[in-house]
Amino acid sequence: MLYVVAGVYQNTPKLPTYPTGVREGWACLGMWKIVSGAALVVWEIIVSADLLHSLVGKLRAQGSGGTLVANIILSPYVRLALVCVAIALILRGISEIRKSRQLALNSKHDEIGKKEWYETPEYDLTSRKEPAVEAPEEPAAEETKPEPERIVTNVTPEYLATFFKEHLAFQAKTLVAPFIGKWMKVSGFVDDVHDYALYSMVRLAPIPRQSASKSKAAKLRNVIDHISSIQVRASSDQKKWRDRFAVLRRDEKITVFGEIAEVSGDSVTLVSCEIVEPDES
């Protein structure tokens, strides 16, 4: 049994020399338990020797008390219990010694890690310099995309609507396609203003709705011409021009400059419109 204990002890990692602490306590406690277990094993060997039998004979000669003690010493149950206790103490001692070795290794790793950290150039204990903090990079300035070039055409709404009056709708769309996306300037009278969630729209007519003449025939003729005229729907999503549209009056004459977006037989739609002031026209 002692040879087994010695072999297990030799196979365990050697304990490094560290200051006294918890791990040394575990090691001492483990060694004490191994020694105690080995002592019980030695005792069991002595019990089987002839020398012990002579001692037991002397105890039995002393009377009933000595006989009881001798019977307890030689009882197979007691001897078996002592052997079990000895084995348990030895195994427990070996476990505690290994635990102390593990604690020692962990402590060594911690000390090595601290040493490497203190020796890093980012934190020098001798000069007490804090790690250099890099200044945050300033975000690159967003490149402003230049506005696309405005190609201006000098056609009139009536000219564009003529394509739909003289050709089929399919053919007319092909003919007006080169004008889509171009810019044009249109003058007219305010017929109505509509405000939507994303944009505002002004509807322009080439003639005012109300005729200045008092003649009924002239007024009737004016209504017919107004209904049959080519209207321009000028819209804008910019707040500046939406606010400007909101204060227009009916039959007020204005000039708008916008991008051609759609053409039909009775109207022309302009987007991104701006109101051209009289001195700019």
Protein backbone atom coordinates (compact mmCIF):
# COMPACT_ATOMS: atom_id res chain seq x y z
CA MET A 1 0.00 0.00 0.00
CA LEU A 2 2.84 2.38 0.84
CA TYR A 3 4.42 1.68 -2.55
CA VAL A 4 1.10 2.62 -4.25
CA VAL A 5 0.88 5.88 -2.28
CA ALA A 6 4.48 6.73 -3.08
CA GLY A 7 3.90 6.10 -6.79
CA VAL A 8 0.80 8.31 -6.95
CA TYR A 9 2.59 11.06 -5.06
CA GLN A 10 5.53 10.99 -7.43
CA ASN A 11 3.24 11.25 -10.49
CA THR A 12 1.63 14.46 -9.22
CA PRO A 13 3.10 17.78 -10.41
CA LYS A 14 5.78 19.20 -8.15
CA LEU A 15 4.70 22.10 -5.97
CA PRO A 16 6.52 25.32 -6.85
CA THR A 17 7.94 27.40 -4.03
CA TYR A 18 5.39 30.11 -3.25
CA PRO A 19 4.62 32.13 -0.13
CA THR A 20 2.50 30.37 2.44
CA GLY A 21 -1.19 30.54 1.77
CA VAL A 22 -4.26 28.53 1.02
CA ARG A 23 -2.59 26.16 -1.41
CA GLU A 24 0.13 25.24 1.15
CA GLY A 25 -2.61 24.51 3.68
CA TRP A 26 -4.27 22.12 1.27
CA ALA A 27 -0.93 20.40 0.66
CA CYS A 28 -0.21 19.96 4.38
CA LEU A 29 -3.71 18.65 5.03
CA GLY A 30 -3.38 16.17 2.19
CA MET A 31 -0.04 14.91 3.43
CA TRP A 32 -1.44 14.48 6.95
CA LYS A 33 -4.29 12.37 5.63
CA ILE A 34 -1.94 10.21 3.58
CA VAL A 35 0.28 9.63 6.61
CA SER A 36 -2.76 8.79 8.74
CA GLY A 37 -3.99 6.30 6.18
CA ALA A 38 -0.57 4.74 5.86
CA ALA A 39 -0.35 4.43 9.66
CA LEU A 40 -3.63 2.53 9.70
CA VAL A 41 -2.32 0.21 7.03
CA VAL A 42 0.85 -0.39 9.05
CA TRP A 43 -1.31 -1.02 12.10
CA GLU A 44 -3.26 -3.62 10.14
CA ILE A 45 -0.01 -5.33 9.19
CA ILE A 46 1.11 -5.36 12.81
CA VAL A 47 -2.23 -6.87 13.84
CA SER A 48 -1.44 -9.86 11.63
CA ALA A 49 2.03 -10.34 13.12
CA ASP A 50 2.90 -12.91 15.82
CA LEU A 51 4.16 -10.14 18.08
CA LEU A 52 0.65 -8.72 18.35
CA HIS A 53 -0.83 -12.11 19.17
CA SER A 54 1.43 -12.36 22.20
CA LEU A 55 0.25 -8.88 23.28
CA VAL A 56 -3.37 -9.92 22.85
CA GLY A 57 -2.72 -13.02 24.97
CA LYS A 58 -1.49 -10.87 27.79
CA LEU A 59 -4.62 -8.67 27.55
CA ARG A 60 -6.93 -11.67 27.78
CA ALA A 61 -5.06 -12.89 30.86
CA GLN A 62 -5.98 -9.66 32.67
CA GLY A 63 -9.65 -10.45 32.81
CA SER A 64 -12.90 -9.60 31.08
CA GLY A 65 -11.86 -6.03 30.23
CA GLY A 66 -8.67 -7.14 28.58
CA THR A 67 -10.54 -9.87 26.70
CA LEU A 68 -13.01 -7.28 25.33
CA VAL A 69 -10.17 -5.06 24.11
CA ALA A 70 -8.38 -8.04 22.53
CA ASN A 71 -11.58 -9.13 20.75
CA ILE A 72 -12.11 -5.63 19.39
CA ILE A 73 -8.54 -5.46 18.10
CA LEU A 74 -8.78 -8.83 16.38
CA SER A 75 -12.40 -8.36 15.13
CA PRO A 76 -12.53 -8.72 11.32
CA TYR A 77 -15.20 -5.99 11.11
CA VAL A 78 -13.04 -3.49 12.95
CA ARG A 79 -10.04 -4.40 10.87
CA LEU A 80 -12.05 -4.02 7.66
CA ALA A 81 -13.34 -0.64 8.81
CA LEU A 82 -9.81 0.51 9.59
CA VAL A 83 -8.64 -0.55 6.13
CA CYS A 84 -11.54 1.36 4.49
CA VAL A 85 -10.79 4.47 6.57
CA ALA A 86 -7.12 4.20 5.64
CA ILE A 87 -7.91 3.98 1.91
CA ALA A 88 -10.35 6.92 2.15
CA LEU A 89 -7.75 9.07 3.94
CA ILE A 90 -5.09 8.24 1.38
CA LEU A 91 -7.37 9.05 -1.60
CA ARG A 92 -8.58 12.25 0.07
CA GLY A 93 -5.02 13.30 0.77
CA ILE A 94 -3.97 12.69 -2.82
CA SER A 95 -6.94 14.77 -4.04
CA GLU A 96 -6.05 17.68 -1.75
CA ILE A 97 -2.41 17.59 -2.82
CA ARG A 98 -3.45 17.76 -6.47
CA LYS A 99 -5.77 20.63 -5.65
CA SER A 100 -2.89 22.50 -4.04
CA ARG A 101 -0.80 21.94 -7.17
CA GLN A 102 -3.60 23.36 -9.34
CA LEU A 103 -3.89 26.42 -7.12
CA ALA A 104 -0.14 26.92 -7.38
CA LEU A 105 -0.24 26.71 -11.19
CA ASN A 106 -3.14 29.17 -11.40
CA SER A 107 -1.29 31.59 -9.15
CA LYS A 108 1.81 31.31 -11.30
CA HIS A 109 -0.18 32.03 -14.47
CA ASP A 110 -1.76 35.08 -12.84
CA GLU A 111 1.63 36.45 -11.82
CA ILE A 112 3.03 35.89 -15.33
CA GLY A 113 0.01 37.64 -16.86
CA LYS A 114 0.39 40.64 -14.55
CA LYS A 115 4.11 40.84 -15.32
CA GLU A 116 3.46 40.84 -19.07
CA TRP A 117 0.79 43.50 -18.69
CA TYR A 118 3.01 45.82 -16.65
CA GLU A 119 5.84 45.40 -19.16
CA THR A 120 3.71 46.39 -22.16
CA PRO A 121 4.71 49.73 -23.75
CA GLU A 122 1.11 50.94 -23.57
CA TYR A 123 1.34 51.21 -19.77
CA ASP A 124 4.74 52.01 -18.30
CA LEU A 125 4.69 51.93 -14.49
CA THR A 126 8.05 53.70 -14.23
CA SER A 127 6.92 56.76 -16.11
CA ARG A 128 3.24 56.49 -15.11
CA LYS A 129 2.13 57.30 -18.62
CA GLU A 130 -1.41 56.49 -19.54
CA PRO A 131 -1.98 54.66 -22.83
CA ALA A 132 -1.99 57.00 -25.75
CA VAL A 133 -5.51 57.80 -26.86
CA GLU A 134 -5.89 58.26 -30.57
CA ALA A 135 -7.92 61.24 -31.62
CA PRO A 136 -11.13 60.25 -33.36
CA GLU A 137 -11.01 60.69 -37.08
CA GLU A 138 -13.13 63.50 -38.36
CA PRO A 139 -15.81 62.31 -40.72
CA ALA A 140 -15.06 63.16 -44.28
CA ALA A 141 -17.10 66.01 -45.60
CA GLU A 142 -19.98 64.82 -47.69
CA GLU A 143 -19.50 65.63 -51.30
CA THR A 144 -22.31 67.76 -52.59
CA LYS A 145 -23.57 66.38 -55.83
CA PRO A 146 -23.90 69.07 -58.48
CA GLU A 147 -27.39 69.67 -59.75
CA PRO A 148 -28.01 68.23 -63.20
CA GLU A 149 -27.88 70.71 -66.02
CA ARG A 150 -31.22 72.22 -66.90
CA ILE A 151 -31.89 71.97 -70.61
CA VAL A 152 -34.41 74.66 -71.52
CA THR A 153 -36.85 74.32 -74.44
CA ASN A 154 -38.82 77.20 -75.95
CA VAL A 155 -41.95 75.24 -76.91
CA THR A 156 -45.41 76.14 -75.62
CA PRO A 157 -48.01 73.91 -73.90
CA GLU A 158 -50.24 74.22 -76.96
CA TYR A 159 -47.44 72.90 -79.18
CA LEU A 160 -46.95 69.82 -76.99
CA ALA A 161 -50.67 69.11 -76.76
CA THR A 162 -50.95 69.25 -80.56
CA PHE A 163 -49.17 65.89 -80.81
CA PHE A 164 -52.12 64.22 -79.05
CA LYS A 165 -54.69 66.01 -81.21
CA GLU A 166 -53.05 65.05 -84.50
CA HIS A 167 -51.77 61.54 -83.62
CA LEU A 168 -52.83 58.51 -81.68
CA ALA A 169 -51.92 58.49 -78.01
CA PHE A 170 -49.29 55.77 -78.54
CA GLN A 171 -47.67 57.78 -81.34
CA ALA A 172 -47.98 61.07 -79.47
CA LYS A 173 -46.09 59.71 -76.43
CA THR A 174 -43.21 58.74 -78.69
CA LEU A 175 -43.17 62.22 -80.22
CA VAL A 176 -43.17 64.10 -76.91
CA ALA A 177 -40.59 61.75 -75.28
CA PRO A 178 -37.62 64.00 -76.25
CA PHE A 179 -39.25 66.87 -74.34
CA ILE A 180 -39.73 64.95 -71.08
CA GLY A 181 -37.14 66.08 -68.52
CA LYS A 182 -36.51 69.37 -70.29
CA TRP A 183 -37.35 72.72 -68.68
CA MET A 184 -39.79 75.34 -69.95
CA LYS A 185 -41.16 78.69 -68.89
CA VAL A 186 -44.94 79.24 -68.95
CA SER A 187 -47.07 82.27 -68.17
CA GLY A 188 -50.75 82.04 -67.31
CA PHE A 189 -53.58 82.92 -64.96
CA VAL A 190 -54.09 81.12 -61.67
CA ASP A 191 -57.15 78.92 -61.95
CA ASP A 192 -56.78 76.98 -58.68
CA VAL A 193 -54.24 75.83 -56.07
CA HIS A 194 -54.14 72.37 -54.47
CA ASP A 195 -52.05 71.36 -51.47
CA TYR A 196 -51.14 67.70 -50.89
CA ALA A 197 -49.03 65.88 -48.33
CA LEU A 198 -45.82 65.91 -50.36
CA TYR A 199 -46.30 68.79 -52.77
CA SER A 200 -48.48 71.73 -53.83
CA MET A 201 -49.85 72.34 -57.32
CA VAL A 202 -50.98 75.44 -59.20
CA ARG A 203 -53.30 75.07 -62.17
CA LEU A 204 -52.73 77.73 -64.81
CA ALA A 205 -54.96 78.70 -67.75
CA PRO A 206 -54.02 80.86 -70.74
CA ILE A 207 -57.02 83.13 -70.11
CA PRO A 208 -58.61 84.29 -66.83
CA ARG A 209 -61.75 82.60 -65.61
CA GLN A 210 -63.65 85.85 -65.14
CA SER A 211 -64.07 88.03 -68.24
CA ALA A 212 -63.66 91.79 -67.91
CA SER A 213 -66.48 92.35 -70.39
CA LYS A 214 -70.02 92.82 -69.11
CA SER A 215 -71.57 91.27 -72.20
CA LYS A 216 -73.21 87.91 -71.61
CA ALA A 217 -72.03 86.65 -74.96
CA ALA A 218 -68.47 87.65 -74.12
CA LYS A 219 -68.66 85.96 -70.77
CA LEU A 220 -70.04 82.78 -72.30
CA ARG A 221 -67.33 82.80 -74.91
CA ASN A 222 -64.74 83.27 -72.20
CA VAL A 223 -66.05 80.25 -70.28
CA ILE A 224 -65.91 78.07 -73.40
CA ASP A 225 -62.38 79.21 -74.19
CA HIS A 226 -61.31 78.62 -70.60
CA ILE A 227 -62.65 75.08 -70.55
CA SER A 228 -61.14 74.16 -73.92
CA SER A 229 -57.74 75.73 -73.22
CA ILE A 230 -54.58 73.77 -72.46
CA GLN A 231 -53.97 73.97 -68.74
CA VAL A 232 -50.62 73.72 -67.01
CA ARG A 233 -50.24 71.87 -63.71
CA ALA A 234 -47.20 73.33 -61.99
CA SER A 235 -46.14 71.55 -58.78
CA SER A 236 -43.30 71.86 -56.25
CA ASP A 237 -42.26 69.96 -53.10
CA GLN A 238 -40.03 72.72 -51.70
CA LYS A 239 -41.37 74.64 -48.73
CA LYS A 240 -40.33 77.97 -50.17
CA TRP A 241 -42.53 77.60 -53.24
CA ARG A 242 -45.35 75.79 -51.44
CA ASP A 243 -45.67 78.78 -49.15
CA ARG A 244 -45.59 81.06 -52.18
CA PHE A 245 -48.35 79.05 -53.89
CA ALA A 246 -50.55 79.35 -50.80
CA VAL A 247 -50.90 83.15 -51.13
CA LEU A 248 -51.73 83.28 -54.84
CA ARG A 249 -55.06 84.74 -55.95
CA ARG A 250 -57.41 83.47 -58.62
CA ASP A 251 -56.85 84.99 -62.06
CA GLU A 252 -53.48 86.36 -60.90
CA LYS A 253 -51.01 86.23 -63.75
CA ILE A 254 -47.72 84.50 -62.92
CA THR A 255 -44.81 82.89 -64.76
CA VAL A 256 -43.46 79.51 -63.67
CA PHE A 257 -40.30 77.66 -64.63
CA GLY A 258 -40.39 73.89 -64.28
CA GLU A 259 -39.41 70.48 -65.62
CA ILE A 260 -41.72 68.78 -68.10
CA ALA A 261 -42.96 65.53 -66.51
CA GLU A 262 -46.12 64.61 -68.46
CA VAL A 263 -48.06 65.74 -71.52
CA SER A 264 -51.61 64.94 -72.57
CA GLY A 265 -54.15 66.33 -75.01
CA ASP A 266 -55.51 68.92 -72.58
CA SER A 267 -52.70 69.61 -70.08
CA VAL A 268 -48.98 69.78 -69.42
CA THR A 269 -47.55 68.80 -66.03
CA LEU A 270 -44.45 70.54 -64.70
CA VAL A 271 -42.54 69.50 -61.55
CA SER A 272 -39.91 71.23 -59.36
CA CYS A 273 -41.51 74.52 -60.37
CA GLU A 274 -40.33 77.98 -59.36
CA ILE A 275 -42.22 81.25 -59.69
CA VAL A 276 -40.36 83.69 -61.89
CA GLU A 277 -40.68 87.22 -60.64
CA PRO A 278 -41.50 89.93 -63.21
CA ASP A 279 -37.98 91.41 -63.13
CA GLU A 280 -36.48 87.94 -63.78
CA SER A 281 -38.64 87.12 -66.79
